[in-house]
């Protein structure tokens, strides 16, 4: 099984630029929230920001949201993902 650091190293090495790294990391975090025991079952929906059906009602600008979740209670949570350099 691949560990988390190996996945991040692969993203750093295989991505052509920082934007691609960030996109891959956001997709990884979406999956993490779906399957990690602490969060599994907590959300009814998890969207990447560009998939979020109400995005245009909130803002047409980049406001730093990367993921949006809807809890099983119906609350929306904004999530910001940061794929920092490994030294940080």
C-alpha atoms as a PDB file:
ATOM      1  CA  UNK A   1       0.000   0.000   0.000  1.00  0.00           C
ATOM      2  CA  UNK A   2       1.227   3.474  -0.859  1.00  0.00           C
ATOM      3  CA  UNK A   3       1.558   5.876   2.046  1.00  0.00           C
ATOM      4  CA  UNK A   4       0.516   9.519   2.023  1.00  0.00           C
ATOM      5  CA  UNK A   5       4.044  10.917   1.615  1.00  0.00           C
ATOM      6  CA  UNK A   6       4.629   8.700  -1.415  1.00  0.00           C
ATOM      7  CA  UNK A   7       1.455  10.003  -3.037  1.00  0.00           C
ATOM      8  CA  UNK A   8       2.531  13.602  -2.430  1.00  0.00           C
ATOM      9  CA  UNK A   9       5.993  12.889  -3.848  1.00  0.00           C
ATOM     10  CA  UNK A  10       4.377  11.387  -6.938  1.00  0.00           C
ATOM     11  CA  UNK A  11       2.205  14.489  -7.378  1.00  0.00           C
ATOM     12  CA  UNK A  12       5.290  16.725  -7.065  1.00  0.00           C
ATOM     13  CA  UNK A  13       7.288  14.678  -9.552  1.00  0.00           C
ATOM     14  CA  UNK A  14       4.574  13.901 -12.116  1.00  0.00           C
ATOM     15  CA  UNK A  15       2.825  17.267 -12.288  1.00  0.00           C
ATOM     16  CA  UNK A  16       3.814  19.802 -14.909  1.00  0.00           C
ATOM     17  CA  UNK A  17       3.103  22.806 -12.670  1.00  0.00           C
ATOM     18  CA  UNK A  18       1.783  23.976  -9.301  1.00  0.00           C
ATOM     19  CA  UNK A  19      -1.775  24.267 -10.619  1.00  0.00           C
ATOM     20  CA  UNK A  20      -1.777  20.587 -11.615  1.00  0.00           C
ATOM     21  CA  UNK A  21      -0.317  19.637  -8.221  1.00  0.00           C
ATOM     22  CA  UNK A  22      -3.052  21.589  -6.474  1.00  0.00           C
ATOM     23  CA  UNK A  23      -5.798  20.025  -8.574  1.00  0.00           C
ATOM     24  CA  UNK A  24      -4.545  16.513  -7.845  1.00  0.00           C
ATOM     25  CA  UNK A  25      -4.259  17.344  -4.139  1.00  0.00           C
ATOM     26  CA  UNK A  26      -7.835  18.687  -4.016  1.00  0.00           C
ATOM     27  CA  UNK A  27      -9.093  15.474  -5.607  1.00  0.00           C
ATOM     28  CA  UNK A  28      -7.103  13.463  -3.061  1.00  0.00           C
ATOM     29  CA  UNK A  29      -8.604  15.458  -0.185  1.00  0.00           C
ATOM     30  CA  UNK A  30     -12.103  14.934  -1.563  1.00  0.00           C
ATOM     31  CA  UNK A  31     -11.485  11.186  -1.561  1.00  0.00           C
ATOM     32  CA  UNK A  32      -9.891  11.384   1.909  1.00  0.00           C
ATOM     33  CA  UNK A  33     -13.045  12.986   3.322  1.00  0.00           C
ATOM     34  CA  UNK A  34     -15.136  10.245   1.714  1.00  0.00           C
ATOM     35  CA  UNK A  35     -13.197   7.296   3.127  1.00  0.00           C
ATOM     36  CA  UNK A  36     -11.218   8.309   6.239  1.00  0.00           C
ATOM     37  CA  UNK A  37     -12.973   6.770   9.273  1.00  0.00           C
ATOM     38  CA  UNK A  38     -13.162  10.081  11.166  1.00  0.00           C
ATOM     39  CA  UNK A  39     -15.132  11.682   8.309  1.00  0.00           C
ATOM     40  CA  UNK A  40     -16.774   8.758   6.518  1.00  0.00           C
ATOM     41  CA  UNK A  41     -20.530   9.071   6.885  1.00  0.00           C
ATOM     42  CA  UNK A  42     -20.337  12.684   8.109  1.00  0.00           C
ATOM     43  CA  UNK A  43     -21.092  14.193   4.686  1.00  0.00           C
ATOM     44  CA  UNK A  44     -23.954  13.582   2.307  1.00  0.00           C
ATOM     45  CA  UNK A  45     -22.091  15.373  -0.495  1.00  0.00           C
ATOM     46  CA  UNK A  46     -18.547  16.510  -1.253  1.00  0.00           C
ATOM     47  CA  UNK A  47     -17.817  18.693  -4.267  1.00  0.00           C
ATOM     48  CA  UNK A  48     -14.747  20.242  -5.795  1.00  0.00           C
ATOM     49  CA  UNK A  49     -15.434  23.979  -5.928  1.00  0.00           C
ATOM     50  CA  UNK A  50     -15.893  23.918  -9.708  1.00  0.00           C
ATOM     51  CA  UNK A  51     -18.508  21.146  -9.288  1.00  0.00           C
ATOM     52  CA  UNK A  52     -20.487  22.871  -6.520  1.00  0.00           C
ATOM     53  CA  UNK A  53     -24.006  23.494  -7.853  1.00  0.00           C
ATOM     54  CA  UNK A  54     -24.502  26.762  -5.904  1.00  0.00           C
ATOM     55  CA  UNK A  55     -21.070  28.261  -6.657  1.00  0.00           C
ATOM     56  CA  UNK A  56     -22.374  31.132  -8.783  1.00  0.00           C
ATOM     57  CA  UNK A  57     -24.783  32.140  -6.031  1.00  0.00           C
ATOM     58  CA  UNK A  58     -21.854  32.609  -3.637  1.00  0.00           C
ATOM     59  CA  UNK A  59     -19.229  34.298  -5.806  1.00  0.00           C
ATOM     60  CA  UNK A  60     -17.918  34.379  -9.341  1.00  0.00           C
ATOM     61  CA  UNK A  61     -14.461  35.290  -7.963  1.00  0.00           C
ATOM     62  CA  UNK A  62     -11.801  32.986  -6.564  1.00  0.00           C
ATOM     63  CA  UNK A  63     -12.497  33.217  -2.840  1.00  0.00           C
ATOM     64  CA  UNK A  64     -10.158  30.404  -1.751  1.00  0.00           C
ATOM     65  CA  UNK A  65     -12.677  27.593  -1.489  1.00  0.00           C
ATOM     66  CA  UNK A  66     -11.416  24.287  -2.882  1.00  0.00           C
ATOM     67  CA  UNK A  67     -14.044  21.834  -1.644  1.00  0.00           C
ATOM     68  CA  UNK A  68     -17.571  22.181  -0.321  1.00  0.00           C
ATOM     69  CA  UNK A  69     -19.178  19.539   1.844  1.00  0.00           C
ATOM     70  CA  UNK A  70     -22.745  19.094   2.993  1.00  0.00           C
ATOM     71  CA  UNK A  71     -23.050  17.389   6.331  1.00  0.00           C
ATOM     72  CA  UNK A  72     -25.732  14.801   6.930  1.00  0.00           C
ATOM     73  CA  UNK A  73     -27.436  17.501   9.038  1.00  0.00           C
ATOM     74  CA  UNK A  74     -27.571  19.760   5.938  1.00  0.00           C
ATOM     75  CA  UNK A  75     -24.832  22.253   6.862  1.00  0.00           C
ATOM     76  CA  UNK A  76     -22.408  23.398   4.165  1.00  0.00           C
ATOM     77  CA  UNK A  77     -18.698  23.550   4.981  1.00  0.00           C
ATOM     78  CA  UNK A  78     -16.092  25.358   2.860  1.00  0.00           C
ATOM     79  CA  UNK A  79     -12.699  23.634   2.752  1.00  0.00           C
ATOM     80  CA  UNK A  80      -9.412  25.115   1.644  1.00  0.00           C
ATOM     81  CA  UNK A  81      -6.644  22.710   0.586  1.00  0.00           C
ATOM     82  CA  UNK A  82      -2.978  23.693   0.616  1.00  0.00           C
ATOM     83  CA  UNK A  83      -0.333  21.559  -1.059  1.00  0.00           C
ATOM     84  CA  UNK A  84       2.751  23.085   0.533  1.00  0.00           C
ATOM     85  CA  UNK A  85       6.354  22.308  -0.276  1.00  0.00           C
ATOM     86  CA  UNK A  86       7.591  19.323   1.687  1.00  0.00           C
ATOM     87  CA  UNK A  87       9.856  21.619   3.771  1.00  0.00           C
ATOM     88  CA  UNK A  88       6.839  23.505   5.186  1.00  0.00           C
END
